[in-house]
Amino acid sequence: MPVYTIRNDSTEEYYEVNMSYEEFKKLLEDNSHLHQIFKMPATVTGTVSTLRQAGGDWQDMLKKIKKSSGKDNTINV
């Protein structure tokens, strides 16, 4: 279910609710002091390739597999 950010105008508090869109619409209709706040989604930072994350031991293992797999292998190391 999606998470919505709501602002309570009477108390000036922000909070998040986890509910279906139909429930969320009903909540806003029944409570005129609540308003939806639109926020930018969280971004992913620090992305690193999976091979780099796995480390040198994994690279060595892949090299061993490639070496013993035959001359027509298509393994990229």
N, C-alpha and C. Protein backbone atom coordinates (compact mmCIF):
# COMPACT_ATOMS: atom_id res chain seq x y z
N MET A 1 0.83 -1.18 0.00
CA MET A 1 0.00 0.00 0.00
C MET A 1 0.88 1.24 0.00
N PRO A 2 0.40 2.28 -0.64
CA PRO A 2 1.21 3.51 -0.69
C PRO A 2 1.22 4.25 0.64
N VAL A 3 2.23 5.08 0.78
CA VAL A 3 2.37 5.93 1.97
C VAL A 3 2.11 7.36 1.53
N TYR A 4 1.22 8.05 2.25
CA TYR A 4 0.87 9.44 1.95
C TYR A 4 1.32 10.33 3.10
N THR A 5 1.80 11.52 2.75
CA THR A 5 2.17 12.52 3.75
C THR A 5 1.03 13.50 3.89
N ILE A 6 0.64 13.74 5.14
CA ILE A 6 -0.50 14.60 5.44
C ILE A 6 -0.05 15.72 6.36
N ARG A 7 -0.65 16.89 6.16
CA ARG A 7 -0.41 18.03 7.05
C ARG A 7 -1.71 18.36 7.75
N ASN A 8 -1.64 18.46 9.07
CA ASN A 8 -2.78 18.86 9.88
C ASN A 8 -2.70 20.37 10.04
N ASP A 9 -3.63 21.11 9.42
CA ASP A 9 -3.59 22.57 9.45
C ASP A 9 -3.81 23.14 10.84
N SER A 10 -4.59 22.48 11.67
CA SER A 10 -4.88 23.03 13.00
C SER A 10 -3.68 22.91 13.93
N THR A 11 -2.88 21.85 13.81
CA THR A 11 -1.72 21.68 14.68
C THR A 11 -0.39 21.90 13.95
N GLU A 12 -0.44 22.06 12.63
CA GLU A 12 0.73 22.24 11.77
C GLU A 12 1.71 21.08 11.89
N GLU A 13 1.18 19.87 12.12
CA GLU A 13 2.00 18.66 12.19
C GLU A 13 1.95 17.93 10.86
N TYR A 14 3.03 17.25 10.55
CA TYR A 14 3.12 16.41 9.37
C TYR A 14 3.22 14.96 9.83
N TYR A 15 2.53 14.08 9.14
CA TYR A 15 2.68 12.67 9.44
C TYR A 15 2.35 11.85 8.20
N GLU A 16 2.78 10.59 8.24
CA GLU A 16 2.58 9.70 7.10
C GLU A 16 1.56 8.63 7.45
N VAL A 17 0.72 8.30 6.49
CA VAL A 17 -0.27 7.24 6.67
C VAL A 17 -0.07 6.21 5.56
N ASN A 18 -0.36 4.97 5.89
CA ASN A 18 -0.22 3.86 4.95
C ASN A 18 -1.60 3.26 4.75
N MET A 19 -2.22 3.54 3.62
CA MET A 19 -3.58 3.07 3.36
C MET A 19 -3.85 3.07 1.86
N SER A 20 -4.97 2.48 1.48
CA SER A 20 -5.34 2.46 0.07
C SER A 20 -5.76 3.87 -0.36
N TYR A 21 -5.81 4.07 -1.67
CA TYR A 21 -6.17 5.39 -2.18
C TYR A 21 -7.62 5.75 -1.84
N GLU A 22 -8.51 4.76 -1.88
CA GLU A 22 -9.92 5.01 -1.54
C GLU A 22 -10.06 5.44 -0.09
N GLU A 23 -9.33 4.76 0.81
CA GLU A 23 -9.36 5.14 2.23
C GLU A 23 -8.77 6.54 2.41
N PHE A 24 -7.72 6.83 1.67
CA PHE A 24 -7.07 8.13 1.79
C PHE A 24 -8.01 9.26 1.33
N LYS A 25 -8.70 9.05 0.20
CA LYS A 25 -9.65 10.05 -0.28
C LYS A 25 -10.75 10.29 0.74
N LYS A 26 -11.25 9.21 1.34
CA LYS A 26 -12.31 9.33 2.36
C LYS A 26 -11.79 10.10 3.57
N LEU A 27 -10.57 9.82 3.98
CA LEU A 27 -9.98 10.53 5.12
C LEU A 27 -9.92 12.03 4.86
N LEU A 28 -9.48 12.43 3.66
CA LEU A 28 -9.38 13.85 3.33
C LEU A 28 -10.76 14.50 3.20
N GLU A 29 -11.74 13.76 2.69
CA GLU A 29 -13.10 14.30 2.57
C GLU A 29 -13.73 14.52 3.94
N ASP A 30 -13.50 13.60 4.87
CA ASP A 30 -14.11 13.69 6.20
C ASP A 30 -13.40 14.67 7.12
N ASN A 31 -12.17 15.02 6.82
CA ASN A 31 -11.37 15.90 7.68
C ASN A 31 -10.84 17.06 6.85
N SER A 32 -11.54 18.17 6.87
CA SER A 32 -11.16 19.31 6.03
C SER A 32 -9.86 19.98 6.50
N HIS A 33 -9.43 19.71 7.73
CA HIS A 33 -8.19 20.31 8.24
C HIS A 33 -6.95 19.53 7.82
N LEU A 34 -7.13 18.40 7.11
CA LEU A 34 -6.00 17.61 6.63
C LEU A 34 -5.79 17.85 5.15
N HIS A 35 -4.52 17.98 4.77
CA HIS A 35 -4.18 18.19 3.37
C HIS A 35 -2.99 17.30 3.00
N GLN A 36 -3.02 16.80 1.78
CA GLN A 36 -1.92 15.97 1.31
C GLN A 36 -0.73 16.85 0.95
N ILE A 37 0.45 16.41 1.34
CA ILE A 37 1.69 17.09 1.00
C ILE A 37 2.42 16.21 -0.01
N PHE A 38 2.81 16.81 -1.12
CA PHE A 38 3.53 16.07 -2.15
C PHE A 38 5.02 16.23 -1.92
N LYS A 39 5.72 15.11 -1.85
CA LYS A 39 7.15 15.11 -1.61
C LYS A 39 7.84 14.39 -2.75
N MET A 40 9.06 14.76 -2.99
CA MET A 40 9.87 14.06 -3.99
C MET A 40 10.21 12.68 -3.44
N PRO A 41 10.19 11.67 -4.29
CA PRO A 41 10.57 10.35 -3.81
C PRO A 41 12.05 10.30 -3.44
N ALA A 42 12.37 9.40 -2.56
CA ALA A 42 13.76 9.25 -2.14
C ALA A 42 14.59 8.74 -3.31
N THR A 43 15.78 9.27 -3.42
CA THR A 43 16.65 8.86 -4.52
C THR A 43 17.69 7.88 -4.01
N VAL A 44 18.17 7.06 -4.90
CA VAL A 44 19.20 6.09 -4.57
C VAL A 44 20.56 6.72 -4.82
N THR A 45 21.40 6.67 -3.82
CA THR A 45 22.75 7.22 -3.96
C THR A 45 23.77 6.14 -3.67
N GLY A 46 24.95 6.36 -4.15
CA GLY A 46 26.04 5.44 -3.87
C GLY A 46 25.89 4.11 -4.58
N THR A 47 25.39 4.14 -5.79
CA THR A 47 25.24 2.88 -6.51
C THR A 47 26.59 2.39 -7.00
N VAL A 48 26.85 1.14 -6.79
CA VAL A 48 28.09 0.51 -7.18
C VAL A 48 27.74 -0.77 -7.92
N SER A 49 28.53 -1.14 -8.90
CA SER A 49 28.24 -2.37 -9.63
C SER A 49 28.29 -3.57 -8.68
N THR A 50 27.54 -4.60 -9.02
CA THR A 50 27.49 -5.77 -8.15
C THR A 50 28.83 -6.47 -8.08
N LEU A 51 29.60 -6.43 -9.15
CA LEU A 51 30.92 -7.06 -9.10
C LEU A 51 31.85 -6.32 -8.14
N ARG A 52 31.77 -5.01 -8.12
CA ARG A 52 32.62 -4.25 -7.21
C ARG A 52 32.18 -4.48 -5.76
N GLN A 53 30.88 -4.57 -5.53
CA GLN A 53 30.39 -4.82 -4.17
C GLN A 53 30.82 -6.19 -3.67
N ALA A 54 30.84 -7.17 -4.58
CA ALA A 54 31.17 -8.53 -4.18
C ALA A 54 32.62 -8.66 -3.73
N GLY A 55 33.50 -7.86 -4.27
CA GLY A 55 34.89 -7.87 -3.82
C GLY A 55 35.81 -8.71 -4.68
N GLY A 56 37.08 -8.71 -4.31
CA GLY A 56 38.12 -9.38 -5.08
C GLY A 56 38.01 -10.89 -5.07
N ASP A 57 37.53 -11.48 -3.99
CA ASP A 57 37.41 -12.93 -3.94
C ASP A 57 36.43 -13.44 -4.99
N TRP A 58 35.36 -12.72 -5.20
CA TRP A 58 34.38 -13.11 -6.21
C TRP A 58 34.99 -12.99 -7.61
N GLN A 59 35.76 -11.93 -7.83
CA GLN A 59 36.46 -11.78 -9.11
C GLN A 59 37.39 -12.97 -9.37
N ASP A 60 38.13 -13.38 -8.34
CA ASP A 60 39.03 -14.53 -8.48
C ASP A 60 38.25 -15.80 -8.80
N MET A 61 37.12 -15.98 -8.17
CA MET A 61 36.29 -17.15 -8.43
C MET A 61 35.80 -17.15 -9.88
N LEU A 62 35.38 -16.01 -10.39
CA LEU A 62 34.93 -15.92 -11.77
C LEU A 62 36.07 -16.23 -12.75
N LYS A 63 37.27 -15.78 -12.43
CA LYS A 63 38.42 -16.07 -13.29
C LYS A 63 38.72 -17.56 -13.33
N LYS A 64 38.60 -18.25 -12.17
CA LYS A 64 38.81 -19.69 -12.13
C LYS A 64 37.75 -20.41 -12.96
N ILE A 65 36.51 -19.97 -12.85
CA ILE A 65 35.43 -20.59 -13.62
C ILE A 65 35.68 -20.40 -15.11
N LYS A 66 36.07 -19.20 -15.50
CA LYS A 66 36.33 -18.94 -16.91
C LYS A 66 37.48 -19.80 -17.43
N LYS A 67 38.54 -19.92 -16.64
CA LYS A 67 39.72 -20.67 -17.06
C LYS A 67 39.39 -22.15 -17.29
N SER A 68 38.53 -22.71 -16.45
CA SER A 68 38.25 -24.15 -16.55
C SER A 68 36.98 -24.45 -17.35
N SER A 69 36.38 -23.45 -17.99
CA SER A 69 35.13 -23.71 -18.71
C SER A 69 35.33 -24.04 -20.19
N GLY A 70 36.53 -24.00 -20.70
CA GLY A 70 36.77 -24.36 -22.09
C GLY A 70 37.09 -23.14 -22.93
N LYS A 71 37.50 -23.40 -24.19
CA LYS A 71 37.97 -22.29 -25.03
C LYS A 71 36.84 -21.48 -25.63
N ASP A 72 35.63 -22.03 -25.76
CA ASP A 72 34.52 -21.30 -26.37
C ASP A 72 33.58 -20.66 -25.36
N ASN A 73 34.11 -20.36 -24.18
CA ASN A 73 33.24 -19.78 -23.15
C ASN A 73 32.90 -18.33 -23.48
N THR A 74 31.82 -17.85 -22.92
CA THR A 74 31.41 -16.46 -23.12
C THR A 74 31.30 -15.72 -21.80
N ILE A 75 32.03 -16.18 -20.80
CA ILE A 75 31.99 -15.54 -19.50
C ILE A 75 32.83 -14.27 -19.53
N ASN A 76 32.24 -13.16 -19.13
CA ASN A 76 32.97 -11.89 -19.07
C ASN A 76 33.41 -11.64 -17.63
N VAL A 77 34.69 -11.44 -17.45
CA VAL A 77 35.22 -11.20 -16.11
C VAL A 77 35.79 -9.81 -16.05
